[in-house]
Protein backbone atom coordinates (compact mmCIF):
# COMPACT_ATOMS: atom_id res chain seq x y z
CA MET A 1 89.38 11.72 115.74
CA ASP A 2 91.91 13.32 118.12
CA ASP A 3 95.05 11.76 119.61
CA SER A 4 93.19 10.62 122.73
CA ARG A 5 91.07 8.36 120.51
CA THR A 6 93.50 7.26 117.79
CA LEU A 7 95.94 5.56 120.17
CA PRO A 8 93.26 3.38 121.82
CA ALA A 9 91.90 2.61 118.35
CA ALA A 10 95.37 1.58 117.17
CA LEU A 11 95.80 -0.70 120.17
CA GLU A 12 92.40 -2.29 119.60
CA ILE A 13 93.31 -2.99 115.97
CA LEU A 14 96.75 -4.27 116.98
CA ASP A 15 95.11 -6.67 119.41
CA ARG A 16 93.12 -8.15 116.54
CA LEU A 17 96.09 -8.27 114.16
CA ILE A 18 98.28 -10.09 116.69
CA SER A 19 95.54 -12.66 117.25
CA PHE A 20 95.93 -13.89 113.66
CA ASP A 21 98.73 -16.42 113.34
CA THR A 22 100.13 -15.25 110.02
CA THR A 23 103.36 -17.22 110.14
CA SER A 24 104.58 -17.31 106.53
CA ALA A 25 103.77 -21.02 106.16
CA LEU A 26 100.09 -20.25 106.90
CA SER A 27 97.37 -18.30 105.12
CA ASN A 28 96.98 -14.57 105.76
CA LEU A 29 93.42 -14.50 104.44
CA PRO A 30 91.68 -14.27 107.85
CA LEU A 31 93.74 -11.15 108.68
CA VAL A 32 93.18 -9.66 105.23
CA ASP A 33 89.43 -10.27 105.51
CA TYR A 34 89.40 -8.51 108.88
CA VAL A 35 91.22 -5.49 107.40
CA ARG A 36 88.94 -5.41 104.38
CA HIS A 37 85.82 -5.39 106.56
CA TYR A 38 87.32 -2.73 108.84
CA LEU A 39 88.05 -0.50 105.86
CA GLY A 40 84.60 -1.16 104.45
CA SER A 41 83.04 0.00 107.71
CA HIS A 42 84.69 3.37 107.03
CA GLY A 43 83.56 3.52 103.42
CA VAL A 44 86.91 2.48 101.93
CA ASP A 45 87.03 -0.21 99.27
CA ALA A 46 89.86 -2.72 99.54
CA HIS A 47 91.03 -4.78 96.60
CA LEU A 48 92.70 -8.16 96.95
CA ASP A 49 95.44 -9.57 94.75
CA VAL A 50 95.27 -13.29 95.49
CA SER A 51 98.34 -15.51 95.28
CA PRO A 52 98.50 -18.17 92.54
CA GLU A 53 97.90 -20.84 95.20
CA GLY A 54 94.79 -19.03 96.39
CA ASN A 55 95.67 -19.13 100.10
CA LYS A 56 97.20 -15.66 100.50
CA ALA A 57 96.53 -12.17 99.25
CA ASN A 58 97.90 -8.67 99.00
CA LEU A 59 95.50 -5.88 99.93
CA VAL A 60 95.35 -2.44 98.33
CA ALA A 61 93.10 0.38 99.56
CA THR A 62 92.98 4.04 98.56
CA ILE A 63 91.72 6.95 100.63
CA GLY A 64 91.25 10.22 98.77
CA PRO A 65 91.07 11.14 95.09
CA HIS A 66 91.96 8.79 92.25
CA ALA A 67 95.03 10.77 91.26
CA GLU A 68 98.76 10.47 90.83
CA GLY A 69 101.23 11.84 93.35
CA GLY A 70 99.93 10.15 96.49
CA ILE A 71 101.59 8.41 99.42
CA MET A 72 101.85 4.63 99.63
CA LEU A 73 102.04 3.11 103.12
CA SER A 74 103.39 -0.44 102.91
CA GLY A 75 103.35 -3.22 105.47
CA HIS A 76 103.68 -6.98 105.39
CA THR A 77 101.15 -9.23 107.09
CA ASP A 78 103.29 -12.31 107.71
CA VAL A 79 105.46 -13.05 110.75
CA VAL A 80 108.29 -15.44 111.52
CA PRO A 81 107.62 -18.72 113.37
CA VAL A 82 107.50 -19.02 117.15
CA ALA A 83 108.40 -22.73 117.12
CA ASN A 84 111.37 -23.64 119.34
CA GLN A 85 111.42 -20.17 120.89
CA ARG A 86 111.05 -19.77 124.64
CA TRP A 87 108.13 -17.41 125.00
CA THR A 88 106.91 -16.57 128.50
CA ARG A 89 103.49 -15.45 127.22
CA ASP A 90 101.07 -16.33 124.43
CA PRO A 91 102.70 -14.95 121.26
CA PHE A 92 99.35 -14.52 119.52
CA ARG A 93 97.66 -12.60 122.27
CA LEU A 94 98.59 -8.95 122.79
CA SER A 95 99.70 -8.37 126.37
CA ARG A 96 100.93 -5.28 128.16
CA SER A 97 103.50 -4.80 130.89
CA ASP A 98 104.11 -1.19 131.92
CA GLU A 99 104.81 0.67 128.66
CA ARG A 100 105.57 -2.40 126.55
CA LEU A 101 103.24 -4.41 124.34
CA TYR A 102 104.16 -8.07 123.72
CA GLY A 103 103.23 -10.43 120.90
CA ARG A 104 104.52 -11.86 117.64
CA GLY A 105 104.52 -9.05 115.12
CA THR A 106 104.34 -6.16 117.57
CA ALA A 107 107.69 -4.87 116.33
CA ASP A 108 107.79 -6.53 112.92
CA MET A 109 105.47 -5.04 111.76
CA LYS A 110 101.82 -5.14 112.69
CA SER A 111 102.04 -2.00 114.84
CA PHE A 112 102.66 0.11 111.73
CA ILE A 113 99.66 -1.49 110.04
CA ALA A 114 97.51 -0.85 113.12
CA ALA A 115 98.55 2.81 113.22
CA ALA A 116 97.76 3.32 109.54
CA LEU A 117 94.35 1.68 109.92
CA ALA A 118 93.54 3.67 113.05
CA LEU A 119 94.02 6.88 111.08
CA VAL A 120 91.63 5.91 108.30
CA PRO A 121 88.78 8.00 109.82
CA VAL A 122 91.17 10.97 110.02
CA LEU A 123 92.26 10.51 106.42
CA LYS A 124 88.63 10.23 105.25
CA ASN A 125 87.85 13.66 106.71
CA ALA A 126 91.17 15.37 106.00
CA GLY A 127 90.33 16.81 102.59
CA LEU A 128 93.20 15.01 100.88
CA ARG A 129 94.36 16.55 97.61
CA VAL A 130 96.39 13.45 96.75
CA PRO A 131 95.54 9.91 97.82
CA VAL A 132 96.95 7.76 100.60
CA HIS A 133 97.30 4.14 99.57
CA ILE A 134 97.49 1.38 102.19
CA VAL A 135 99.14 -1.72 100.73
CA LEU A 136 99.64 -4.95 102.66
CA SER A 137 101.68 -7.83 101.26
CA TYR A 138 102.26 -11.48 102.07
CA ASP A 139 105.41 -13.62 102.44
CA GLU A 140 107.85 -10.77 103.09
CA GLU A 141 109.68 -12.88 105.66
CA ILE A 142 110.52 -15.61 103.15
CA GLY A 143 111.35 -13.56 100.08
CA CYS A 144 108.87 -10.68 99.55
CA PHE A 145 106.91 -12.83 97.11
CA GLY A 146 103.77 -10.78 97.68
CA ALA A 147 105.57 -7.49 97.04
CA HIS A 148 106.91 -8.73 93.69
CA ARG A 149 103.29 -9.35 92.62
CA LEU A 150 102.18 -6.11 94.21
CA VAL A 151 104.31 -3.89 91.95
CA ASP A 152 102.62 -5.44 88.91
CA TYR A 153 99.21 -4.81 90.45
CA ILE A 154 100.13 -1.21 91.29
CA ALA A 155 101.34 -0.57 87.75
CA ARG A 156 98.03 -1.88 86.35
CA SER A 157 95.55 -0.50 88.84
CA LEU A 158 96.84 2.49 90.81
CA PRO A 159 97.71 6.03 89.83
CA ARG A 160 101.48 6.28 90.31
CA PRO A 161 102.31 7.30 93.90
CA ALA A 162 104.78 10.11 94.53
CA PHE A 163 106.58 7.93 97.05
CA ALA A 164 106.25 4.98 99.41
CA VAL A 165 106.93 4.53 103.11
CA VAL A 166 107.73 1.01 104.28
CA GLY A 167 106.90 0.71 107.98
CA GLU A 168 109.62 -1.75 108.98
CA PRO A 169 110.84 -1.27 112.58
CA SER A 170 113.35 1.58 112.48
CA GLY A 171 112.63 3.25 115.81
CA MET A 172 110.81 5.93 113.78
CA GLN A 173 114.12 6.88 112.21
CA VAL A 174 114.26 7.28 108.44
CA ALA A 175 116.31 4.82 106.38
CA ASN A 176 117.17 5.57 102.76
CA GLN A 177 119.40 2.53 102.17
CA HIS A 178 119.34 -1.17 102.87
CA LYS A 179 121.32 -4.12 101.63
CA GLY A 180 119.91 -6.53 99.10
CA ASN A 181 119.25 -10.19 99.87
CA TYR A 182 119.55 -12.97 97.31
CA GLY A 183 118.90 -16.58 98.30
CA PHE A 184 120.02 -19.72 96.47
CA GLU A 185 119.96 -23.48 96.74
CA THR A 186 122.89 -25.42 95.30
CA ALA A 187 122.39 -29.13 94.59
CA VAL A 188 125.37 -31.42 94.00
CA ARG A 189 124.82 -34.93 92.62
CA GLY A 190 127.59 -37.48 92.53
CA ARG A 191 127.63 -41.27 92.64
CA GLU A 192 127.01 -43.67 95.52
CA ALA A 193 129.53 -46.36 96.46
CA HIS A 194 130.48 -48.44 99.47
CA SER A 195 132.60 -46.29 101.75
CA SER A 196 135.34 -48.96 101.76
CA ARG A 197 135.84 -48.34 98.02
CA PRO A 198 135.40 -44.57 97.66
CA GLN A 199 137.33 -44.52 94.38
CA LEU A 200 134.24 -46.02 92.72
CA GLY A 201 132.02 -43.13 93.80
CA ALA A 202 131.91 -39.36 93.67
CA SER A 203 131.07 -37.76 97.01
CA ALA A 204 128.48 -35.03 96.71
CA ILE A 205 129.23 -33.97 100.29
CA PHE A 206 132.96 -33.48 99.62
CA ALA A 207 132.11 -31.49 96.49
CA ALA A 208 129.51 -29.38 98.30
CA SER A 209 132.07 -28.75 101.05
CA GLU A 210 134.45 -27.30 98.47
CA LEU A 211 131.73 -24.94 97.32
CA VAL A 212 130.98 -23.88 100.90
CA VAL A 213 134.68 -23.22 101.50
CA ARG A 214 134.79 -21.19 98.29
CA LEU A 215 131.84 -19.10 99.55
CA ALA A 216 133.67 -18.57 102.85
CA ARG A 217 136.68 -17.25 100.92
CA MET A 218 134.44 -14.95 98.92
CA ALA A 219 132.93 -13.68 102.17
CA ALA A 220 136.43 -12.92 103.45
CA ASP A 221 137.19 -11.07 100.19
CA CYS A 222 134.05 -8.95 100.68
CA LYS A 223 135.17 -8.09 104.20
CA ARG A 224 138.67 -7.09 103.04
CA ALA A 225 137.42 -4.90 100.18
CA ALA A 226 137.63 -1.17 100.80
CA PRO A 227 134.06 0.10 101.30
CA ASP A 228 132.75 3.01 99.29
CA ALA A 229 131.30 6.04 101.04
CA ALA A 230 127.73 4.70 101.04
CA ALA A 231 128.78 1.25 102.29
CA ARG A 232 130.50 2.80 105.32
CA GLU A 233 127.07 3.67 106.71
CA PHE A 234 126.14 -0.02 107.05
CA GLU A 235 126.95 -2.34 109.93
CA PRO A 236 128.90 -4.26 108.80
CA PRO A 237 130.16 -1.95 106.00
CA TYR A 238 130.49 -4.66 103.35
CA SER A 239 128.50 -7.31 101.49
CA THR A 240 127.98 -10.54 103.42
CA ILE A 241 127.50 -14.23 102.62
CA ASN A 242 125.90 -16.90 104.78
CA VAL A 243 125.41 -20.63 104.34
CA GLY A 244 122.39 -21.38 106.49
CA GLN A 245 121.37 -24.96 105.70
CA ILE A 246 123.09 -28.09 104.41
CA ASN A 247 121.82 -31.64 103.99
CA GLY A 248 123.16 -34.71 102.26
CA GLY A 249 123.97 -38.39 102.33
CA THR A 250 122.02 -41.40 103.58
CA ALA A 251 124.43 -43.35 105.83
CA VAL A 252 127.92 -43.06 107.26
CA ASN A 253 129.15 -46.03 105.20
CA ILE A 254 127.80 -44.80 101.84
CA VAL A 255 129.59 -42.30 99.60
CA ALA A 256 127.00 -39.54 99.35
CA ASN A 257 125.10 -39.33 96.09
CA GLU A 258 123.47 -35.94 96.82
CA CYS A 259 124.06 -32.85 98.93
CA ARG A 260 122.12 -29.59 98.99
CA PHE A 261 122.85 -26.34 100.76
CA ARG A 262 121.09 -23.00 100.96
CA TRP A 263 122.97 -19.74 101.06
CA GLU A 264 122.40 -16.03 100.77
CA PHE A 265 124.25 -12.96 99.53
CA ARG A 266 123.49 -9.55 101.07
CA PRO A 267 125.17 -6.95 98.86
CA VAL A 268 125.55 -3.28 99.68
CA PRO A 269 123.72 -1.13 97.10
CA SER A 270 126.88 -0.48 95.05
CA ASP A 271 127.72 -4.18 94.72
CA ASP A 272 126.55 -6.15 91.67
CA PRO A 273 124.31 -8.99 92.95
CA ARG A 274 125.24 -11.13 89.91
CA ARG A 275 128.95 -11.02 90.71
CA LEU A 276 129.05 -13.66 93.42
CA ARG A 277 126.84 -16.16 91.62
CA GLU A 278 129.00 -15.84 88.51
CA GLN A 279 132.17 -16.44 90.53
CA LEU A 280 130.74 -19.52 92.22
CA ASP A 281 129.46 -20.92 88.92
CA ALA A 282 132.85 -20.40 87.31
CA PHE A 283 134.51 -22.53 89.98
CA ALA A 284 131.70 -25.08 90.19
CA LEU A 285 131.32 -25.71 86.46
CA GLY A 286 134.85 -24.99 85.30
CA ASP A 287 136.87 -26.78 87.99
CA LEU A 288 134.84 -28.87 90.42
CA LEU A 289 132.33 -30.50 88.06
CA PRO A 290 134.96 -31.86 85.61
CA ARG A 291 136.70 -33.53 88.54
CA LEU A 292 133.43 -35.15 89.64
CA GLN A 293 132.58 -36.28 86.13
CA ALA A 294 135.97 -37.91 85.68
CA THR A 295 134.61 -40.66 87.96
CA ALA A 296 130.85 -40.13 87.55
CA PRO A 297 129.87 -38.70 84.15
CA GLU A 298 126.29 -38.32 85.45
CA ALA A 299 127.39 -35.89 88.20
CA SER A 300 125.90 -32.40 88.22
CA ILE A 301 126.00 -29.09 90.09
CA GLU A 302 123.00 -26.81 89.85
CA THR A 303 122.26 -23.55 91.65
CA GLN A 304 118.70 -22.22 91.67
CA PRO A 305 117.51 -18.85 92.97
CA LEU A 306 115.12 -18.91 95.94
CA PHE A 307 114.35 -15.20 96.23
CA ALA A 308 115.70 -11.85 95.10
CA LEU A 309 115.39 -8.64 97.11
CA PRO A 310 117.19 -5.73 95.46
CA ALA A 311 119.02 -3.26 97.65
CA LEU A 312 117.52 0.13 98.50
CA ALA A 313 119.96 2.78 97.26
CA ARG A 314 120.19 6.37 98.38
CA ASP A 315 118.54 8.74 95.93
CA ALA A 316 119.62 12.36 96.38
CA ARG A 317 116.61 13.53 94.34
CA SER A 318 114.06 11.54 96.32
CA MET A 319 110.93 13.38 97.40
CA ALA A 320 110.32 10.48 99.77
CA GLU A 321 113.36 11.24 101.88
CA GLU A 322 112.65 14.97 102.08
CA VAL A 323 108.99 14.65 103.04
CA VAL A 324 109.45 11.76 105.48
CA LEU A 325 112.36 13.46 107.25
CA GLN A 326 110.20 16.54 107.76
CA SER A 327 107.23 14.50 108.94
CA SER A 328 109.22 12.27 111.29
CA GLY A 329 111.40 14.96 112.83
CA ALA A 330 114.52 12.89 112.15
CA LYS A 331 117.64 14.91 111.37
CA ARG A 332 119.15 12.59 108.76
CA ALA A 333 118.48 9.35 106.95
CA LEU A 334 120.31 6.17 107.96
CA ALA A 335 121.27 2.84 106.40
CA VAL A 336 119.92 -0.47 107.71
CA ALA A 337 121.35 -3.93 107.13
CA PHE A 338 118.04 -5.82 106.81
CA ALA A 339 116.22 -6.14 103.48
CA SER A 340 112.59 -5.27 102.73
CA GLU A 341 110.16 -4.57 99.91
CA ALA A 342 111.56 -1.03 99.70
CA GLY A 343 114.17 -2.06 97.13
CA ILE A 344 111.47 -3.73 95.03
CA PHE A 345 109.38 -0.55 94.97
CA GLN A 346 112.41 1.61 94.16
CA LYS A 347 113.36 -0.69 91.29
CA ALA A 348 109.79 -0.32 89.98
CA GLY A 349 110.26 3.46 89.88
CA ILE A 350 108.57 4.42 93.16
CA PRO A 351 110.84 6.51 95.45
CA THR A 352 110.84 4.72 98.79
CA VAL A 353 112.15 5.07 102.32
CA ILE A 354 111.72 3.09 105.54
CA CYS A 355 110.20 4.58 108.67
CA GLY A 356 108.27 2.58 111.22
CA PRO A 357 107.75 1.96 114.93
CA GLY A 358 109.67 -0.56 117.00
CA SER A 359 113.20 -1.87 117.04
CA ILE A 360 114.67 -4.49 114.73
CA GLU A 361 116.56 -5.68 117.83
CA GLN A 362 113.25 -7.06 119.15
CA ALA A 363 112.08 -8.58 115.88
CA HIS A 364 112.09 -12.38 115.41
CA LYS A 365 112.84 -12.98 119.11
CA PRO A 366 110.80 -14.67 121.84
CA ASP A 367 108.74 -12.18 123.84
CA GLU A 368 108.87 -9.70 120.96
CA PHE A 369 107.67 -6.29 122.11
CA ILE A 370 107.21 -2.66 121.17
CA GLU A 371 107.26 0.44 123.35
CA LEU A 372 103.89 2.17 123.54
CA SER A 373 105.62 5.48 122.81
CA GLN A 374 106.70 4.12 119.43
CA ILE A 375 103.10 3.59 118.36
CA ALA A 376 102.16 7.05 119.59
CA GLY A 377 105.09 8.47 117.64
CA CYS A 378 104.01 6.61 114.51
CA LEU A 379 100.49 8.01 114.76
CA ALA A 380 101.89 11.55 115.03
CA PHE A 381 104.15 10.90 112.04
CA LEU A 382 101.29 9.60 109.92
CA ARG A 383 99.17 12.61 110.86
CA ARG A 384 101.91 14.90 109.56
CA LEU A 385 102.15 12.87 106.35
CA ALA A 386 98.39 13.28 105.96
CA GLY A 387 98.90 17.01 106.37
CA TRP A 388 101.33 16.96 103.45
CA ALA A 389 98.72 15.12 101.37
CA THR A 390 96.20 17.90 102.00
CA THR A 391 98.46 20.60 100.56
CA HIS A 392 100.14 18.93 97.56
């Protein structure tokens, strides 16, 4: 299949992929079933790793010999919600205006999946000496829960790949670093009382506010810290903290019994992800909680992890970086601030880089789009990767 046929094929597949509403709260099984049947029509078996709840699945397919040293192409099937966004077109119907394609997931990251699938006939006839694995995961947007399961499945069922390429939108530039992302929920429980006699209660909201202020101070400390050489490549060049949600209390005239807030820590690769949690716990349990319990012995402060995405660190020995730079035509590898499954794969011992079509600037926004040239560039890149797999 030549270039004049692979691009239309990719667009036809993308049209189908966009039509599936795979918002993370929903099932991805209809999309996965479509991909499995598509692969089957080309003589490629696809294996599903179903979530414990049974409503989602990872997909793994191998083209070429059952051998170590192959290439793993990774994409996630879920997308962020469109609710409360001002779209001017149907987000789940691919539409074109000039050289732009619109729809939820066009940039993040169904176009990469479409390009990889469009090249399956090429890969089948390429005479691959090492395999190309296509792996699709679920729930990347809410914590990469599918990818965490996927590494266990890969370890059990696949010959070890030489490297992985995560097709997150990078403008077809190569990224060899990204920050980590660790999410938490902190729950503070105090004691209710009438607001006219606050000395009889223990305000969970006041206590939670102290913790939020402490996180803000820690964020300022991260910003003031001198960045190491690798951190300087990030924007911003330091670890960041965000408190994104807070909820507590029942009425304005009741001392709040409970308050919960959700927060995240995005460390640069050289930063210890345990450091911040340990600092917050030291203040919460060593200072704040004793003050609460002086009035309300039943008071508690508990922080639970929501998700953990390890950072992707630069690896000077990485075959992934060398081969993908050559195949993409990029001059050097960059650092990106967003997190992905790349750090999970690297931690599992699979050298990994990011390279995919589209811009992260368009991701998660209303009227999300991708330039047609980005998909064409991705197809050319994947063809060159396939060429590497025929000679190694």
